[in-house]
Amino acid sequence: QLQAFGGGLVQAGASLRLSCAASGRTFSSYAVGWFRQAPGKVREFVASISRFGGVPSYVDSVKGRFTISRDNAKNTVYLQMNSLKPEDTAAYYCAADLYGTGTGSPSDYDHWGQGTLVTVSS
């Protein structure tokens, strides 16, 4: 089970850190991805990280601003979001892919957390 939290309302340029906490003892068996969905839009890949924190992947629009990391001892994946823009406004979801590599395709992920809302005002 995954639980995402840390969203909120911030002004453009601010930072937020999202957390994705997992239950269970096999967290290190899962690649984890963050996705987001804005109203009226399809779910979009944001970032992913492999099982042991190897080279992460990012969508181009967040490169240099967002950083994904994980702490397997705490069963938690983080998404540090800096220099937030109004276009980052969305519900953010974390997802886990058993034995995965951290792809950008939602269909590859087995488990999903509930969304946490990020709203960036201009």
N, C-alpha and C. Protein backbone atom coordinates (compact mmCIF):
# COMPACT_ATOMS: atom_id res chain seq x y z
N GLN A 1 0.85 -1.19 0.00
CA GLN A 1 0.00 0.00 0.00
C GLN A 1 0.89 1.25 0.00
N LEU A 2 0.50 2.21 -0.81
CA LEU A 2 1.26 3.45 -0.94
C LEU A 2 0.43 4.61 -0.46
N GLN A 3 1.09 5.55 0.17
CA GLN A 3 0.42 6.76 0.61
C GLN A 3 1.29 7.96 0.24
N ALA A 4 0.72 8.85 -0.55
CA ALA A 4 1.42 10.06 -0.96
C ALA A 4 0.93 11.24 -0.15
N PHE A 5 1.85 12.09 0.25
CA PHE A 5 1.45 13.28 0.99
C PHE A 5 2.51 14.36 0.80
N GLY A 6 2.18 15.55 1.24
CA GLY A 6 3.10 16.67 1.14
C GLY A 6 2.67 17.77 0.20
N GLY A 7 1.55 17.60 -0.48
CA GLY A 7 1.07 18.63 -1.38
C GLY A 7 0.57 19.85 -0.62
N GLY A 8 0.26 20.88 -1.38
CA GLY A 8 -0.26 22.10 -0.76
C GLY A 8 -0.38 23.21 -1.77
N LEU A 9 -0.72 24.37 -1.26
CA LEU A 9 -0.85 25.57 -2.08
C LEU A 9 0.38 26.45 -1.84
N VAL A 10 1.09 26.74 -2.92
CA VAL A 10 2.28 27.58 -2.82
C VAL A 10 2.30 28.59 -3.95
N GLN A 11 3.15 29.58 -3.81
CA GLN A 11 3.32 30.56 -4.87
C GLN A 11 4.39 30.09 -5.85
N ALA A 12 4.34 30.61 -7.04
CA ALA A 12 5.35 30.29 -8.04
C ALA A 12 6.74 30.61 -7.49
N GLY A 13 7.67 29.70 -7.76
CA GLY A 13 9.03 29.86 -7.26
C GLY A 13 9.30 29.14 -5.96
N ALA A 14 8.26 28.71 -5.29
CA ALA A 14 8.42 28.04 -4.01
C ALA A 14 8.81 26.57 -4.21
N SER A 15 9.01 25.89 -3.10
CA SER A 15 9.39 24.48 -3.11
C SER A 15 8.42 23.66 -2.27
N LEU A 16 8.30 22.41 -2.64
CA LEU A 16 7.54 21.43 -1.87
C LEU A 16 8.28 20.11 -1.94
N ARG A 17 8.12 19.29 -0.92
CA ARG A 17 8.65 17.94 -0.97
C ARG A 17 7.50 16.96 -0.76
N LEU A 18 7.28 16.14 -1.76
CA LEU A 18 6.28 15.10 -1.66
C LEU A 18 6.93 13.83 -1.13
N SER A 19 6.17 13.08 -0.37
CA SER A 19 6.63 11.80 0.14
C SER A 19 5.68 10.71 -0.28
N CYS A 20 6.21 9.55 -0.54
CA CYS A 20 5.42 8.37 -0.87
C CYS A 20 5.86 7.27 0.09
N ALA A 21 5.01 6.97 1.04
CA ALA A 21 5.33 5.97 2.05
C ALA A 21 4.68 4.65 1.71
N ALA A 22 5.44 3.57 1.84
CA ALA A 22 4.94 2.24 1.49
C ALA A 22 4.91 1.34 2.71
N SER A 23 3.94 0.49 2.75
CA SER A 23 3.89 -0.52 3.79
C SER A 23 4.45 -1.82 3.23
N GLY A 24 4.88 -2.70 4.10
CA GLY A 24 5.42 -3.98 3.65
C GLY A 24 6.93 -4.04 3.78
N ARG A 25 7.48 -5.22 3.60
CA ARG A 25 8.89 -5.45 3.84
C ARG A 25 9.72 -5.56 2.57
N THR A 26 9.07 -5.41 1.42
CA THR A 26 9.78 -5.64 0.16
C THR A 26 9.86 -4.38 -0.68
N PHE A 27 9.93 -3.25 -0.03
CA PHE A 27 9.92 -1.98 -0.75
C PHE A 27 11.06 -1.89 -1.75
N SER A 28 12.20 -2.43 -1.40
CA SER A 28 13.35 -2.36 -2.30
C SER A 28 13.17 -3.20 -3.56
N SER A 29 12.12 -3.98 -3.62
CA SER A 29 11.82 -4.76 -4.82
C SER A 29 11.06 -3.97 -5.86
N TYR A 30 10.71 -2.74 -5.52
CA TYR A 30 9.87 -1.95 -6.40
C TYR A 30 10.60 -0.72 -6.93
N ALA A 31 10.50 -0.51 -8.23
CA ALA A 31 10.79 0.82 -8.78
C ALA A 31 9.60 1.71 -8.46
N VAL A 32 9.83 2.97 -8.31
CA VAL A 32 8.75 3.89 -7.94
C VAL A 32 8.73 5.07 -8.91
N GLY A 33 7.54 5.43 -9.30
CA GLY A 33 7.37 6.57 -10.18
C GLY A 33 6.40 7.58 -9.58
N TRP A 34 6.58 8.82 -9.98
CA TRP A 34 5.62 9.89 -9.69
C TRP A 34 4.95 10.29 -10.99
N PHE A 35 3.65 10.42 -10.93
CA PHE A 35 2.86 10.88 -12.06
C PHE A 35 1.99 12.04 -11.58
N ARG A 36 1.49 12.81 -12.51
CA ARG A 36 0.59 13.90 -12.14
C ARG A 36 -0.53 14.01 -13.16
N GLN A 37 -1.63 14.52 -12.68
CA GLN A 37 -2.78 14.71 -13.54
C GLN A 37 -3.45 16.03 -13.22
N ALA A 38 -3.44 16.90 -14.19
CA ALA A 38 -4.12 18.19 -14.05
C ALA A 38 -5.56 18.04 -14.52
N PRO A 39 -6.45 18.89 -14.06
CA PRO A 39 -7.85 18.79 -14.47
C PRO A 39 -8.00 18.82 -15.98
N GLY A 40 -8.73 17.84 -16.51
CA GLY A 40 -8.99 17.79 -17.94
C GLY A 40 -7.84 17.26 -18.77
N LYS A 41 -6.79 16.81 -18.12
CA LYS A 41 -5.63 16.31 -18.86
C LYS A 41 -5.35 14.85 -18.50
N VAL A 42 -4.58 14.20 -19.34
CA VAL A 42 -4.22 12.82 -19.07
C VAL A 42 -3.12 12.77 -18.01
N ARG A 43 -3.01 11.60 -17.38
CA ARG A 43 -1.97 11.42 -16.38
C ARG A 43 -0.60 11.46 -17.06
N GLU A 44 0.32 12.18 -16.46
CA GLU A 44 1.62 12.43 -17.05
C GLU A 44 2.73 11.90 -16.16
N PHE A 45 3.71 11.26 -16.77
CA PHE A 45 4.89 10.82 -16.04
C PHE A 45 5.69 12.05 -15.58
N VAL A 46 6.19 11.99 -14.36
CA VAL A 46 7.00 13.09 -13.83
C VAL A 46 8.43 12.62 -13.57
N ALA A 47 8.57 11.55 -12.80
CA ALA A 47 9.91 11.08 -12.43
C ALA A 47 9.82 9.64 -11.95
N SER A 48 10.93 8.95 -12.03
CA SER A 48 10.97 7.59 -11.52
C SER A 48 12.36 7.27 -11.00
N ILE A 49 12.41 6.26 -10.16
CA ILE A 49 13.67 5.84 -9.58
C ILE A 49 13.67 4.32 -9.48
N SER A 50 14.79 3.73 -9.78
CA SER A 50 14.89 2.28 -9.77
C SER A 50 14.94 1.75 -8.34
N ARG A 51 14.98 0.45 -8.22
CA ARG A 51 14.82 -0.19 -6.91
C ARG A 51 15.87 0.24 -5.89
N PHE A 52 17.08 0.44 -6.32
CA PHE A 52 18.15 0.78 -5.38
C PHE A 52 18.67 2.20 -5.61
N GLY A 53 17.83 3.03 -6.21
CA GLY A 53 18.17 4.43 -6.34
C GLY A 53 19.14 4.76 -7.45
N GLY A 54 19.17 3.93 -8.48
CA GLY A 54 20.05 4.21 -9.60
C GLY A 54 19.65 5.47 -10.34
N VAL A 55 20.17 5.63 -11.54
CA VAL A 55 19.94 6.86 -12.29
C VAL A 55 18.45 7.11 -12.46
N PRO A 56 17.95 8.22 -11.95
CA PRO A 56 16.53 8.50 -12.06
C PRO A 56 16.17 9.02 -13.45
N SER A 57 14.88 9.05 -13.71
CA SER A 57 14.36 9.58 -14.97
C SER A 57 13.39 10.70 -14.68
N TYR A 58 13.35 11.69 -15.56
CA TYR A 58 12.47 12.83 -15.40
C TYR A 58 11.85 13.21 -16.73
N VAL A 59 10.65 13.73 -16.67
CA VAL A 59 10.09 14.36 -17.85
C VAL A 59 10.84 15.67 -18.07
N ASP A 60 10.99 16.07 -19.31
CA ASP A 60 11.82 17.23 -19.64
C ASP A 60 11.38 18.49 -18.90
N SER A 61 10.09 18.64 -18.69
CA SER A 61 9.58 19.88 -18.12
C SER A 61 9.98 20.09 -16.65
N VAL A 62 10.47 19.04 -15.99
CA VAL A 62 10.85 19.19 -14.58
C VAL A 62 12.34 19.00 -14.36
N LYS A 63 13.07 18.66 -15.39
CA LYS A 63 14.51 18.45 -15.23
C LYS A 63 15.18 19.72 -14.71
N GLY A 64 16.04 19.54 -13.73
CA GLY A 64 16.72 20.67 -13.12
C GLY A 64 15.94 21.33 -12.01
N ARG A 65 14.66 20.98 -11.86
CA ARG A 65 13.83 21.57 -10.80
C ARG A 65 13.38 20.52 -9.79
N PHE A 66 13.10 19.32 -10.25
CA PHE A 66 12.62 18.25 -9.38
C PHE A 66 13.71 17.21 -9.18
N THR A 67 13.73 16.63 -7.99
CA THR A 67 14.67 15.56 -7.69
C THR A 67 13.93 14.43 -6.98
N ILE A 68 14.07 13.23 -7.52
CA ILE A 68 13.46 12.06 -6.89
C ILE A 68 14.55 11.30 -6.14
N SER A 69 14.20 10.80 -4.98
CA SER A 69 15.15 10.03 -4.19
C SER A 69 14.37 9.01 -3.37
N ARG A 70 15.07 8.07 -2.79
CA ARG A 70 14.39 7.07 -1.99
C ARG A 70 15.26 6.68 -0.79
N ASP A 71 14.57 6.26 0.25
CA ASP A 71 15.22 5.73 1.44
C ASP A 71 14.55 4.39 1.72
N ASN A 72 15.18 3.32 1.29
CA ASN A 72 14.56 2.00 1.43
C ASN A 72 14.42 1.60 2.90
N ALA A 73 15.29 2.11 3.75
CA ALA A 73 15.18 1.79 5.17
C ALA A 73 13.92 2.38 5.78
N LYS A 74 13.43 3.46 5.17
CA LYS A 74 12.20 4.11 5.65
C LYS A 74 11.01 3.80 4.76
N ASN A 75 11.22 2.95 3.75
CA ASN A 75 10.12 2.62 2.82
C ASN A 75 9.48 3.88 2.23
N THR A 76 10.30 4.82 1.85
CA THR A 76 9.79 6.10 1.39
C THR A 76 10.54 6.60 0.17
N VAL A 77 9.79 7.16 -0.76
CA VAL A 77 10.35 7.85 -1.91
C VAL A 77 9.94 9.31 -1.82
N TYR A 78 10.85 10.18 -2.18
CA TYR A 78 10.61 11.62 -2.09
C TYR A 78 10.64 12.25 -3.48
N LEU A 79 9.91 13.32 -3.62
CA LEU A 79 10.00 14.16 -4.81
C LEU A 79 10.18 15.59 -4.33
N GLN A 80 11.41 16.06 -4.42
CA GLN A 80 11.71 17.45 -4.07
C GLN A 80 11.41 18.32 -5.28
N MET A 81 10.53 19.27 -5.11
CA MET A 81 10.10 20.13 -6.21
C MET A 81 10.50 21.56 -5.90
N ASN A 82 11.40 22.09 -6.68
CA ASN A 82 11.86 23.46 -6.52
C ASN A 82 11.41 24.32 -7.70
N SER A 83 11.46 25.61 -7.51
CA SER A 83 11.10 26.55 -8.58
C SER A 83 9.77 26.18 -9.22
N LEU A 84 8.79 25.95 -8.40
CA LEU A 84 7.49 25.50 -8.90
C LEU A 84 6.85 26.57 -9.79
N LYS A 85 6.15 26.07 -10.79
CA LYS A 85 5.47 26.93 -11.76
C LYS A 85 3.97 26.63 -11.72
N PRO A 86 3.15 27.57 -12.15
CA PRO A 86 1.70 27.30 -12.18
C PRO A 86 1.36 26.05 -12.99
N GLU A 87 2.12 25.77 -14.02
CA GLU A 87 1.84 24.58 -14.85
C GLU A 87 2.18 23.27 -14.14
N ASP A 88 2.78 23.34 -12.97
CA ASP A 88 3.01 22.15 -12.17
C ASP A 88 1.78 21.77 -11.34
N THR A 89 0.77 22.61 -11.36
CA THR A 89 -0.45 22.35 -10.61
C THR A 89 -1.11 21.07 -11.10
N ALA A 90 -1.32 20.14 -10.18
CA ALA A 90 -1.91 18.84 -10.53
C ALA A 90 -2.05 18.02 -9.26
N ALA A 91 -2.78 16.92 -9.40
CA ALA A 91 -2.74 15.89 -8.37
C ALA A 91 -1.55 14.99 -8.69
N TYR A 92 -0.72 14.76 -7.71
CA TYR A 92 0.48 13.95 -7.89
C TYR A 92 0.27 12.57 -7.26
N TYR A 93 0.61 11.55 -8.01
CA TYR A 93 0.43 10.17 -7.58
C TYR A 93 1.78 9.44 -7.59
N CYS A 94 2.00 8.61 -6.60
CA CYS A 94 3.15 7.73 -6.67
C CYS A 94 2.66 6.32 -7.00
N ALA A 95 3.53 5.56 -7.64
CA ALA A 95 3.19 4.22 -8.08
C ALA A 95 4.41 3.33 -7.97
N ALA A 96 4.18 2.05 -7.77
CA ALA A 96 5.27 1.10 -7.58
C ALA A 96 5.18 -0.02 -8.60
N ASP A 97 6.34 -0.41 -9.11
CA ASP A 97 6.45 -1.42 -10.16
C ASP A 97 7.35 -2.53 -9.63
N LEU A 98 6.77 -3.70 -9.34
CA LEU A 98 7.53 -4.80 -8.78
C LEU A 98 8.61 -5.26 -9.75
N TYR A 99 9.83 -5.26 -9.29
CA TYR A 99 11.01 -5.65 -10.05
C TYR A 99 11.20 -4.81 -11.31
N GLY A 100 10.57 -3.66 -11.32
CA GLY A 100 10.66 -2.80 -12.48
C GLY A 100 11.93 -1.96 -12.50
N THR A 101 12.09 -1.23 -13.59
CA THR A 101 13.26 -0.37 -13.75
C THR A 101 12.91 1.10 -13.61
N GLY A 102 11.63 1.40 -13.53
CA GLY A 102 11.22 2.79 -13.42
C GLY A 102 10.92 3.40 -14.78
N THR A 103 9.92 2.87 -15.44
CA THR A 103 9.55 3.40 -16.76
C THR A 103 8.62 4.59 -16.62
N GLY A 104 8.29 5.17 -17.74
CA GLY A 104 7.38 6.29 -17.74
C GLY A 104 5.96 5.92 -18.11
N SER A 105 5.69 4.63 -18.21
CA SER A 105 4.37 4.17 -18.63
C SER A 105 3.52 3.78 -17.43
N PRO A 106 2.39 4.44 -17.22
CA PRO A 106 1.55 4.09 -16.07
C PRO A 106 1.14 2.63 -16.04
N SER A 107 0.98 2.01 -17.20
CA SER A 107 0.51 0.62 -17.24
C SER A 107 1.55 -0.36 -16.70
N ASP A 108 2.78 0.07 -16.54
CA ASP A 108 3.83 -0.81 -16.00
C ASP A 108 3.78 -0.91 -14.47
N TYR A 109 3.01 -0.05 -13.84
CA TYR A 109 3.02 0.04 -12.38
C TYR A 109 1.88 -0.77 -11.79
N ASP A 110 2.21 -1.50 -10.73
CA ASP A 110 1.28 -2.44 -10.13
C ASP A 110 0.42 -1.82 -9.03
N HIS A 111 0.99 -0.86 -8.33
CA HIS A 111 0.32 -0.31 -7.17
C HIS A 111 0.35 1.21 -7.24
N TRP A 112 -0.74 1.80 -6.82
CA TRP A 112 -0.87 3.26 -6.86
C TRP A 112 -1.33 3.79 -5.52
N GLY A 113 -0.77 4.94 -5.16
CA GLY A 113 -1.25 5.62 -3.98
C GLY A 113 -2.34 6.61 -4.36
N GLN A 114 -2.97 7.17 -3.36
CA GLN A 114 -3.95 8.22 -3.63
C GLN A 114 -3.18 9.49 -3.99
N GLY A 115 -3.80 10.40 -4.65
CA GLY A 115 -3.12 11.61 -5.07
C GLY A 115 -2.96 12.62 -3.95
N THR A 116 -1.96 13.46 -4.10
CA THR A 116 -1.81 14.61 -3.22
C THR A 116 -1.78 15.84 -4.12
N LEU A 117 -2.58 16.83 -3.76
CA LEU A 117 -2.79 17.97 -4.64
C LEU A 117 -1.72 19.04 -4.45
N VAL A 118 -1.16 19.45 -5.56
CA VAL A 118 -0.20 20.55 -5.58
C VAL A 118 -0.81 21.68 -6.39
N THR A 119 -0.92 22.84 -5.79
CA THR A 119 -1.46 24.01 -6.46
C THR A 119 -0.42 25.13 -6.39
N VAL A 120 -0.05 25.64 -7.55
CA VAL A 120 0.96 26.69 -7.62
C VAL A 120 0.29 27.94 -8.18
N SER A 121 0.27 28.98 -7.40
CA SER A 121 -0.35 30.22 -7.83
C SER A 121 0.69 31.14 -8.46
N SER A 122 0.23 31.94 -9.39
CA SER A 122 1.16 32.86 -10.09
C SER A 122 1.29 34.18 -9.37
